[in-house]
């Protein structure tokens, strides 16, 4: 593995976990943490296991966080991710050759919102998150777990999140409907989506995924897994079953 590789001039870095298969699709995992916490290093074990089981190379980028002491707000976190995705497609130092024209994007919690903000058409709210057509064409599938897709519904379910999470990451607003992924059409109906949510998740209710499934299902191929896990929100990506579900999906 290779750690702390720079991808921009802001100090953002990524870690790389090589798979055994040459010229295989590249897997990109985007961590959660309420837009304000967590680090790629906390998902090292998951990435190593995923690379081993799938045979595919896995990369974990960091991105700017909305910690209380700074002024990072949406869409800056997702802009970092978009910059990374553009960077990694032209990266030349993979220890095992990969096919960067075939990407699978994997996001958990707010990482799911960030990916969806780029690959669903958010241009009316955040035109800076418009990806290049070549990047959109490279994405074969998107896998999201425990995702946040409608901030107003999230606040209705968890009023305590309004200041700590949503206000901190998006600024203080009367409503956040402009950032609801359920208002954004998918940019490419060819991209397949796998939506995962644990029945044991008490941090983000499965209502979020159900709303997104209903929205996506009108336009794109969607595979749903809402019954296969019973663990808490932040435990799902540590599960052997999660590694298997993701590996099976990308290999299929």
Foldseek 3Di string as FASTA:
>chain_A
DAWFDDQDPVSKGKDKAAFQDAAEAEEEEEEDDLQADDDQVVCVVLQNLLRDLQSHMYMYIAFDGLHVVDQAAPPRRLLRVLSVLVRVLPDDDDPGHYNSLAYEYEYEAVRVLSVLCQQFPLCVPPVSSDHDPSSNSSYAEYEYELYAQAVVVLCVLPVVCQVVRVCSHHNDDPGDRSSHSLVTHGPDQNYEYEYEYAPQEPNRDCVRVVSVCVSHVVRHHYHYHHYPHNDYRVCPSVDPVVSVVVSVVSVD
